[in-house]
């Protein structure tokens, strides 16, 4: 006999939770950004095609146009990289400001708190725990001494 497997159970598929307004707004912005990117790319391709159209210039004219288009694209790329670097530098300055003015004081106060707790624990250990432990040792010794001297009751 082969072991039988239990019948699969049908679990109801739970519907997606409704999207919040912020999520809807983010999704809408992502779609708009994607469409804008496609439009800009189409404009750039059309501009490159327009610049590469044959004009009066002889056989060297096409090479010169390709070179010019490449130079234009390199200039656009350099300007985009420049803007990205400026944004990156601004973000780094903001992060450094955050670390110096907000995180460092929090770390300093946390360090002070830890030092205070360390001192408190040392004080309690020296003045409370050790005397209680010593007293328990002495009481255990006295009890053992009394048990040894006094005969057990029957």
N, C-alpha and C. Protein backbone atom coordinates (compact mmCIF):
# COMPACT_ATOMS: atom_id res chain seq x y z
N UNK A 1 0.84 -1.18 0.00
CA UNK A 1 0.00 0.00 0.00
C UNK A 1 0.88 1.24 0.00
N UNK A 2 0.50 2.13 -0.81
CA UNK A 2 1.25 3.39 -0.87
C UNK A 2 0.59 4.40 0.05
N UNK A 3 1.42 5.23 0.70
CA UNK A 3 0.80 6.23 1.58
C UNK A 3 0.01 7.23 0.75
N UNK A 4 -1.09 7.63 1.29
CA UNK A 4 -1.92 8.61 0.58
C UNK A 4 -1.68 9.99 1.17
N UNK A 5 -1.67 10.90 0.30
CA UNK A 5 -1.49 12.28 0.71
C UNK A 5 -2.84 12.92 0.99
N UNK A 6 -2.88 13.84 1.91
CA UNK A 6 -4.16 14.51 2.16
C UNK A 6 -4.54 15.37 0.97
N UNK A 7 -5.80 15.57 0.83
CA UNK A 7 -6.32 16.40 -0.26
C UNK A 7 -5.85 17.84 -0.08
N UNK A 8 -5.45 18.46 -1.17
CA UNK A 8 -5.04 19.87 -1.05
C UNK A 8 -6.23 20.73 -0.67
N UNK A 9 -5.98 21.69 0.18
CA UNK A 9 -7.05 22.58 0.59
C UNK A 9 -6.98 23.86 -0.23
N UNK A 10 -8.11 24.34 -0.55
CA UNK A 10 -8.19 25.59 -1.30
C UNK A 10 -8.21 26.74 -0.31
N UNK A 11 -7.18 27.56 -0.35
CA UNK A 11 -7.17 28.74 0.49
C UNK A 11 -7.68 29.91 -0.32
N UNK A 12 -8.53 30.69 0.27
CA UNK A 12 -9.00 31.85 -0.49
C UNK A 12 -7.84 32.82 -0.71
N UNK A 13 -7.76 33.31 -1.92
CA UNK A 13 -6.71 34.27 -2.25
C UNK A 13 -7.16 35.63 -1.73
N UNK A 14 -6.31 36.17 -0.87
CA UNK A 14 -6.68 37.47 -0.30
C UNK A 14 -6.39 38.56 -1.31
N UNK A 15 -7.30 39.48 -1.44
CA UNK A 15 -7.07 40.57 -2.41
C UNK A 15 -5.95 41.48 -1.92
N UNK A 16 -5.37 42.20 -2.87
CA UNK A 16 -4.31 43.14 -2.49
C UNK A 16 -4.90 44.20 -1.56
N UNK A 17 -4.08 44.59 -0.58
CA UNK A 17 -4.58 45.67 0.27
C UNK A 17 -4.66 46.95 -0.54
N UNK A 18 -5.62 47.78 -0.24
CA UNK A 18 -5.75 49.01 -1.03
C UNK A 18 -4.52 49.90 -0.86
N UNK A 19 -4.18 50.60 -1.94
CA UNK A 19 -3.01 51.47 -1.92
C UNK A 19 -3.35 52.77 -1.19
N UNK A 20 -2.38 53.26 -0.45
CA UNK A 20 -2.59 54.54 0.23
C UNK A 20 -2.42 55.67 -0.78
N UNK A 21 -2.79 56.86 -0.37
CA UNK A 21 -2.68 58.02 -1.25
C UNK A 21 -1.22 58.31 -1.60
N UNK A 22 -0.31 58.12 -0.64
CA UNK A 22 1.11 58.37 -0.92
C UNK A 22 1.64 57.38 -1.95
N UNK A 23 1.21 56.11 -1.84
CA UNK A 23 1.65 55.11 -2.81
C UNK A 23 1.09 55.42 -4.19
N UNK A 24 -0.18 55.85 -4.24
CA UNK A 24 -0.77 56.21 -5.53
C UNK A 24 -0.02 57.38 -6.14
N UNK A 25 0.33 58.37 -5.31
CA UNK A 25 1.06 59.55 -5.79
C UNK A 25 2.45 59.13 -6.30
N UNK A 26 3.13 58.22 -5.58
CA UNK A 26 4.45 57.75 -6.01
C UNK A 26 4.34 57.01 -7.33
N UNK A 27 3.32 56.17 -7.47
CA UNK A 27 3.15 55.42 -8.70
C UNK A 27 2.87 56.36 -9.86
N UNK A 28 2.04 57.37 -9.63
CA UNK A 28 1.74 58.34 -10.67
C UNK A 28 3.00 59.10 -11.09
N UNK A 29 3.82 59.50 -10.10
CA UNK A 29 5.06 60.22 -10.41
C UNK A 29 6.04 59.34 -11.18
N UNK A 30 6.10 58.04 -10.84
CA UNK A 30 6.99 57.12 -11.55
C UNK A 30 6.55 56.97 -13.00
N UNK A 31 5.25 56.88 -13.24
CA UNK A 31 4.74 56.77 -14.61
C UNK A 31 5.06 58.04 -15.38
N UNK A 32 4.85 59.19 -14.76
CA UNK A 32 5.13 60.47 -15.44
C UNK A 32 6.62 60.58 -15.75
N UNK A 33 7.48 60.17 -14.81
CA UNK A 33 8.92 60.24 -15.04
C UNK A 33 9.33 59.29 -16.17
N UNK A 34 8.73 58.11 -16.22
CA UNK A 34 9.04 57.18 -17.31
C UNK A 34 8.63 57.73 -18.67
N UNK A 35 7.43 58.30 -18.72
CA UNK A 35 6.96 58.88 -19.99
C UNK A 35 7.86 60.05 -20.39
N UNK A 36 8.23 60.89 -19.43
CA UNK A 36 9.11 62.02 -19.73
C UNK A 36 10.47 61.53 -20.25
N UNK A 37 11.01 60.48 -19.65
CA UNK A 37 12.27 59.91 -20.12
C UNK A 37 12.18 59.40 -21.54
N UNK A 38 11.08 58.72 -21.86
CA UNK A 38 10.90 58.21 -23.23
C UNK A 38 10.79 59.37 -24.22
N UNK A 39 10.05 60.42 -23.84
CA UNK A 39 9.90 61.58 -24.73
C UNK A 39 11.24 62.26 -24.96
N UNK A 40 12.03 62.45 -23.90
CA UNK A 40 13.34 63.08 -24.05
C UNK A 40 14.24 62.23 -24.93
N UNK A 41 14.21 60.91 -24.74
CA UNK A 41 15.02 60.02 -25.58
C UNK A 41 14.58 60.09 -27.03
N UNK A 42 13.28 60.16 -27.30
CA UNK A 42 12.78 60.27 -28.67
C UNK A 42 13.22 61.59 -29.29
N UNK A 43 13.19 62.68 -28.52
CA UNK A 43 13.63 63.98 -29.02
C UNK A 43 15.11 63.93 -29.37
N UNK A 44 15.93 63.31 -28.50
CA UNK A 44 17.36 63.20 -28.78
C UNK A 44 17.63 62.37 -30.03
N UNK A 45 16.90 61.28 -30.20
CA UNK A 45 17.09 60.45 -31.40
C UNK A 45 16.67 61.22 -32.64
N UNK A 46 15.55 61.94 -32.55
CA UNK A 46 15.12 62.75 -33.70
C UNK A 46 16.12 63.85 -34.02
N UNK A 47 16.67 64.47 -32.99
CA UNK A 47 17.68 65.51 -33.20
C UNK A 47 18.92 64.93 -33.87
N UNK A 48 19.36 63.74 -33.40
CA UNK A 48 20.52 63.10 -34.02
C UNK A 48 20.22 62.72 -35.46
N UNK A 49 19.02 62.23 -35.75
CA UNK A 49 18.67 61.88 -37.12
C UNK A 49 18.66 63.12 -38.01
N UNK A 50 18.11 64.21 -37.48
CA UNK A 50 18.07 65.46 -38.24
C UNK A 50 19.49 65.94 -38.56
N UNK A 51 20.39 65.83 -37.60
CA UNK A 51 21.76 66.28 -37.83
C UNK A 51 22.50 65.37 -38.80
N UNK A 52 22.12 64.12 -38.89
CA UNK A 52 22.81 63.18 -39.79
C UNK A 52 22.20 63.13 -41.17
N UNK A 53 21.15 63.89 -41.43
CA UNK A 53 20.58 63.91 -42.78
C UNK A 53 21.61 64.41 -43.78
N UNK A 54 21.64 63.80 -44.96
CA UNK A 54 22.64 64.25 -45.95
C UNK A 54 22.35 65.68 -46.40
N UNK A 55 23.38 66.47 -46.38
CA UNK A 55 23.30 67.84 -46.85
C UNK A 55 24.44 68.08 -47.81
N UNK A 56 24.55 69.27 -48.34
CA UNK A 56 25.66 69.58 -49.23
C UNK A 56 26.94 69.63 -48.41
N UNK A 57 27.82 68.70 -48.62
CA UNK A 57 29.06 68.69 -47.87
C UNK A 57 30.03 67.68 -48.41
N UNK A 58 29.65 66.94 -49.40
CA UNK A 58 30.56 65.97 -49.99
C UNK A 58 30.70 64.74 -49.11
N UNK A 59 31.66 63.89 -49.45
CA UNK A 59 31.84 62.63 -48.72
C UNK A 59 32.34 62.84 -47.28
N UNK A 60 33.07 63.90 -47.00
CA UNK A 60 33.56 64.14 -45.65
C UNK A 60 32.50 64.80 -44.77
N UNK A 61 31.41 65.24 -45.33
CA UNK A 61 30.36 65.90 -44.56
C UNK A 61 29.69 64.96 -43.56
N UNK A 62 29.47 63.69 -43.92
CA UNK A 62 28.82 62.73 -43.01
C UNK A 62 29.70 62.46 -41.80
N UNK A 63 30.99 62.31 -42.04
CA UNK A 63 31.90 62.06 -40.92
C UNK A 63 31.94 63.25 -39.98
N UNK A 64 31.94 64.45 -40.56
CA UNK A 64 31.97 65.66 -39.74
C UNK A 64 30.67 65.78 -38.93
N UNK A 65 29.53 65.43 -39.55
CA UNK A 65 28.27 65.50 -38.83
C UNK A 65 28.22 64.48 -37.69
N UNK A 66 28.71 63.27 -37.94
CA UNK A 66 28.75 62.25 -36.88
C UNK A 66 29.63 62.73 -35.73
N UNK A 67 30.78 63.31 -36.08
CA UNK A 67 31.68 63.84 -35.06
C UNK A 67 30.98 64.94 -34.25
N UNK A 68 30.28 65.84 -34.95
CA UNK A 68 29.59 66.94 -34.27
C UNK A 68 28.49 66.42 -33.34
N UNK A 69 27.73 65.43 -33.82
CA UNK A 69 26.67 64.86 -32.99
C UNK A 69 27.28 64.19 -31.75
N UNK A 70 28.37 63.47 -31.95
CA UNK A 70 29.04 62.82 -30.83
C UNK A 70 29.54 63.85 -29.82
N UNK A 71 30.09 64.94 -30.30
CA UNK A 71 30.55 66.00 -29.41
C UNK A 71 29.38 66.60 -28.63
N UNK A 72 28.24 66.78 -29.30
CA UNK A 72 27.06 67.32 -28.62
C UNK A 72 26.59 66.36 -27.53
N UNK A 73 26.53 65.07 -27.86
CA UNK A 73 26.12 64.09 -26.86
C UNK A 73 27.09 64.04 -25.69
N UNK A 74 28.37 64.16 -25.95
CA UNK A 74 29.36 64.16 -24.88
C UNK A 74 29.19 65.40 -23.99
N UNK A 75 28.88 66.54 -24.60
CA UNK A 75 28.65 67.76 -23.82
C UNK A 75 27.41 67.61 -22.95
N UNK A 76 26.34 67.02 -23.49
CA UNK A 76 25.13 66.78 -22.71
C UNK A 76 25.41 65.83 -21.54
N UNK A 77 26.17 64.78 -21.84
CA UNK A 77 26.50 63.82 -20.79
C UNK A 77 27.35 64.49 -19.71
N UNK A 78 28.31 65.31 -20.11
CA UNK A 78 29.15 66.01 -19.14
C UNK A 78 28.31 66.95 -18.27
N UNK A 79 27.33 67.61 -18.88
CA UNK A 79 26.49 68.52 -18.09
C UNK A 79 25.61 67.73 -17.11
N UNK A 80 25.09 66.58 -17.53
CA UNK A 80 24.29 65.75 -16.63
C UNK A 80 25.16 65.24 -15.48
N UNK A 81 26.37 64.80 -15.78
CA UNK A 81 27.27 64.33 -14.73
C UNK A 81 27.63 65.48 -13.78
N UNK A 82 27.82 66.67 -14.32
CA UNK A 82 28.11 67.84 -13.48
C UNK A 82 26.98 68.14 -12.53
N UNK A 83 25.74 68.09 -13.03
CA UNK A 83 24.58 68.32 -12.16
C UNK A 83 24.49 67.24 -11.09
N UNK A 84 24.74 65.99 -11.48
CA UNK A 84 24.70 64.89 -10.50
C UNK A 84 25.78 65.08 -9.43
N UNK A 85 26.96 65.54 -9.82
CA UNK A 85 28.02 65.77 -8.85
C UNK A 85 27.66 66.91 -7.89
N UNK A 86 27.04 67.96 -8.41
CA UNK A 86 26.62 69.06 -7.54
C UNK A 86 25.60 68.57 -6.53
N UNK A 87 24.64 67.77 -6.98
CA UNK A 87 23.63 67.22 -6.06
C UNK A 87 24.30 66.31 -5.04
N UNK A 88 25.26 65.50 -5.47
CA UNK A 88 25.98 64.62 -4.56
C UNK A 88 26.75 65.41 -3.51
N UNK A 89 27.39 66.49 -3.91
CA UNK A 89 28.14 67.31 -2.95
C UNK A 89 27.20 67.95 -1.94
N UNK A 90 26.05 68.41 -2.40
CA UNK A 90 25.07 69.00 -1.48
C UNK A 90 24.57 67.95 -0.48
N UNK A 91 24.31 66.74 -0.96
CA UNK A 91 23.86 65.67 -0.07
C UNK A 91 24.94 65.30 0.94
N UNK A 92 26.20 65.28 0.50
CA UNK A 92 27.29 64.98 1.42
C UNK A 92 27.41 66.05 2.50
N UNK A 93 27.25 67.32 2.09
CA UNK A 93 27.31 68.41 3.06
C UNK A 93 26.18 68.28 4.07
N UNK A 94 24.99 67.91 3.60
CA UNK A 94 23.86 67.72 4.50
C UNK A 94 24.12 66.56 5.47
N UNK A 95 24.71 65.48 4.97
CA UNK A 95 25.02 64.34 5.82
C UNK A 95 26.06 64.69 6.87
N UNK A 96 27.09 65.41 6.47
CA UNK A 96 28.13 65.81 7.42
C UNK A 96 27.53 66.72 8.50
N UNK A 97 26.68 67.64 8.08
CA UNK A 97 26.01 68.52 9.04
C UNK A 97 25.16 67.72 10.02
N UNK A 98 24.43 66.74 9.51
CA UNK A 98 23.61 65.88 10.36
C UNK A 98 24.47 65.13 11.36
N UNK A 99 25.58 64.57 10.89
CA UNK A 99 26.45 63.81 11.78
C UNK A 99 27.06 64.69 12.87
N UNK A 100 27.48 65.90 12.50
CA UNK A 100 28.14 66.76 13.48
C UNK A 100 27.16 67.38 14.46
N UNK A 101 26.01 67.79 14.00
CA UNK A 101 25.10 68.56 14.85
C UNK A 101 24.00 67.76 15.52
N UNK A 102 23.73 66.55 15.04
CA UNK A 102 22.64 65.79 15.64
C UNK A 102 23.10 64.44 16.19
N UNK A 103 23.88 63.71 15.42
CA UNK A 103 24.27 62.37 15.85
C UNK A 103 25.36 62.44 16.92
N UNK A 104 26.35 63.33 16.75
CA UNK A 104 27.45 63.41 17.71
C UNK A 104 26.97 63.78 19.12
N UNK A 105 26.07 64.77 19.29
CA UNK A 105 25.57 65.03 20.65
C UNK A 105 24.82 63.85 21.25
N UNK A 106 24.09 63.12 20.42
CA UNK A 106 23.37 61.94 20.92
C UNK A 106 24.37 60.90 21.41
N UNK A 107 25.44 60.68 20.64
CA UNK A 107 26.46 59.72 21.05
C UNK A 107 27.16 60.16 22.33
N UNK A 108 27.43 61.46 22.43
CA UNK A 108 28.08 61.97 23.65
C UNK A 108 27.19 61.76 24.87
N UNK A 109 25.90 62.07 24.75
CA UNK A 109 25.00 61.88 25.90
C UNK A 109 24.84 60.40 26.22
N UNK A 110 24.84 59.54 25.21
CA UNK A 110 24.76 58.10 25.45
C UNK A 110 26.01 57.62 26.18
N UNK A 111 27.16 58.13 25.77
CA UNK A 111 28.41 57.75 26.43
C UNK A 111 28.39 58.20 27.89
N UNK A 112 27.91 59.42 28.16
CA UNK A 112 27.80 59.90 29.53
C UNK A 112 26.86 59.01 30.35
N UNK A 113 25.75 58.62 29.75
CA UNK A 113 24.79 57.76 30.44
C UNK A 113 25.41 56.41 30.77
N UNK A 114 26.15 55.84 29.83
CA UNK A 114 26.80 54.55 30.06
C UNK A 114 27.82 54.67 31.19
N UNK A 115 28.57 55.77 31.20
CA UNK A 115 29.55 55.97 32.29
C UNK A 115 28.85 56.10 33.64
N UNK A 116 27.72 56.79 33.67
CA UNK A 116 26.96 56.92 34.91
C UNK A 116 26.45 55.57 35.38
N UNK A 117 25.92 54.78 34.45
CA UNK A 117 25.43 53.44 34.81
C UNK A 117 26.58 52.58 35.30
N UNK A 118 27.74 52.68 34.66
CA UNK A 118 28.90 51.91 35.10
C UNK A 118 29.27 52.28 36.54
N UNK A 119 29.27 53.59 36.83
CA UNK A 119 29.57 54.02 38.19
C UNK A 119 28.54 53.54 39.20
N UNK A 120 27.27 53.58 38.80
CA UNK A 120 26.20 53.12 39.70
C UNK A 120 26.34 51.63 39.98
N UNK A 121 26.64 50.85 38.96
CA UNK A 121 26.79 49.40 39.14
C UNK A 121 27.98 49.11 40.05
N UNK A 122 29.07 49.84 39.86
CA UNK A 122 30.24 49.63 40.71
C UNK A 122 29.91 49.98 42.16
N UNK A 123 29.22 51.09 42.37
CA UNK A 123 28.82 51.50 43.72
C UNK A 123 27.93 50.45 44.38
N UNK A 124 26.91 49.99 43.64
CA UNK A 124 26.00 48.99 44.21
C UNK A 124 26.72 47.69 44.50
N UNK A 125 27.64 47.32 43.63
CA UNK A 125 28.39 46.09 43.85
C UNK A 125 29.24 46.19 45.10
N UNK A 126 29.92 47.33 45.25
CA UNK A 126 30.81 47.49 46.41
C UNK A 126 30.04 47.66 47.71
N UNK A 127 28.93 48.39 47.69
CA UNK A 127 28.25 48.76 48.93
C UNK A 127 27.00 47.96 49.25
N UNK A 128 26.52 47.15 48.31
CA UNK A 128 25.30 46.39 48.59
C UNK A 128 25.52 44.90 48.37
N UNK A 129 25.97 44.54 47.21
CA UNK A 129 26.05 43.11 46.88
C UNK A 129 27.14 42.41 47.69
N UNK A 130 28.34 42.99 47.76
CA UNK A 130 29.42 42.33 48.49
C UNK A 130 29.11 42.18 49.98
N UNK A 131 28.58 43.21 50.67
CA UNK A 131 28.24 42.99 52.08
C UNK A 131 27.17 41.93 52.29
N UNK A 132 26.19 41.87 51.40
CA UNK A 132 25.14 40.85 51.53
C UNK A 132 25.73 39.47 51.32
N UNK A 133 26.61 39.33 50.35
CA UNK A 133 27.24 38.03 50.10
C UNK A 133 28.10 37.62 51.29
N UNK A 134 28.87 38.56 51.83
CA UNK A 134 29.72 38.25 52.99
C UNK A 134 28.85 37.86 54.19
N UNK A 135 27.73 38.57 54.40
CA UNK A 135 26.85 38.25 55.51
C UNK A 135 26.28 36.84 55.33
N UNK A 136 25.89 36.48 54.10
CA UNK A 136 25.38 35.12 53.84
C UNK A 136 26.46 34.09 54.10
N UNK A 137 27.72 34.39 53.75
CA UNK A 137 28.80 33.46 54.03
C UNK A 137 28.95 33.25 55.53
N UNK A 138 28.95 34.36 56.31
CA UNK A 138 29.10 34.24 57.76
C UNK A 138 27.94 33.49 58.38
N UNK A 139 26.72 33.79 57.93
CA UNK A 139 25.55 33.08 58.48
C UNK A 139 25.60 31.60 58.15
N UNK A 140 26.04 31.25 56.94
CA UNK A 140 26.16 29.83 56.58
C UNK A 140 27.22 29.16 57.44
N UNK A 141 28.33 29.87 57.70
CA UNK A 141 29.38 29.30 58.54
C UNK A 141 28.88 29.10 59.96
N UNK A 142 28.16 30.11 60.52
CA UNK A 142 27.62 29.99 61.87
C UNK A 142 26.62 28.84 61.95
N UNK A 143 25.75 28.70 60.95
CA UNK A 143 24.76 27.62 60.94
C UNK A 143 25.46 26.27 60.90
N UNK A 144 26.49 26.16 60.08
CA UNK A 144 27.21 24.89 60.00
C UNK A 144 27.90 24.59 61.33
N UNK A 145 28.47 25.63 61.95
CA UNK A 145 29.13 25.46 63.25
C UNK A 145 28.13 25.00 64.30
N UNK A 146 26.95 25.61 64.31
CA UNK A 146 25.91 25.24 65.28
C UNK A 146 25.45 23.81 65.00
N UNK A 147 25.31 23.43 63.74
CA UNK A 147 24.89 22.06 63.40
C UNK A 147 25.93 21.04 63.85
N UNK A 148 27.20 21.41 63.77
CA UNK A 148 28.25 20.47 64.18
C UNK A 148 28.28 20.32 65.70
N UNK A 149 28.15 21.43 66.44
CA UNK A 149 28.22 21.39 67.90
C UNK A 149 26.99 20.75 68.50
N UNK A 150 25.81 21.12 68.06
CA UNK A 150 24.57 20.62 68.63
C UNK A 150 24.26 19.27 68.00
N UNK A 151 23.98 18.30 68.78
CA UNK A 151 23.65 17.00 68.22
C UNK A 151 22.27 17.04 67.53
N UNK A 152 22.12 16.26 66.53
CA UNK A 152 20.83 16.26 65.83
C UNK A 152 19.72 15.67 66.72
N UNK A 153 18.52 16.19 66.59
CA UNK A 153 17.38 15.71 67.37
C UNK A 153 16.78 14.50 66.71
N UNK A 154 16.26 13.58 67.58
CA UNK A 154 15.64 12.37 67.04
C UNK A 154 14.21 12.30 67.39
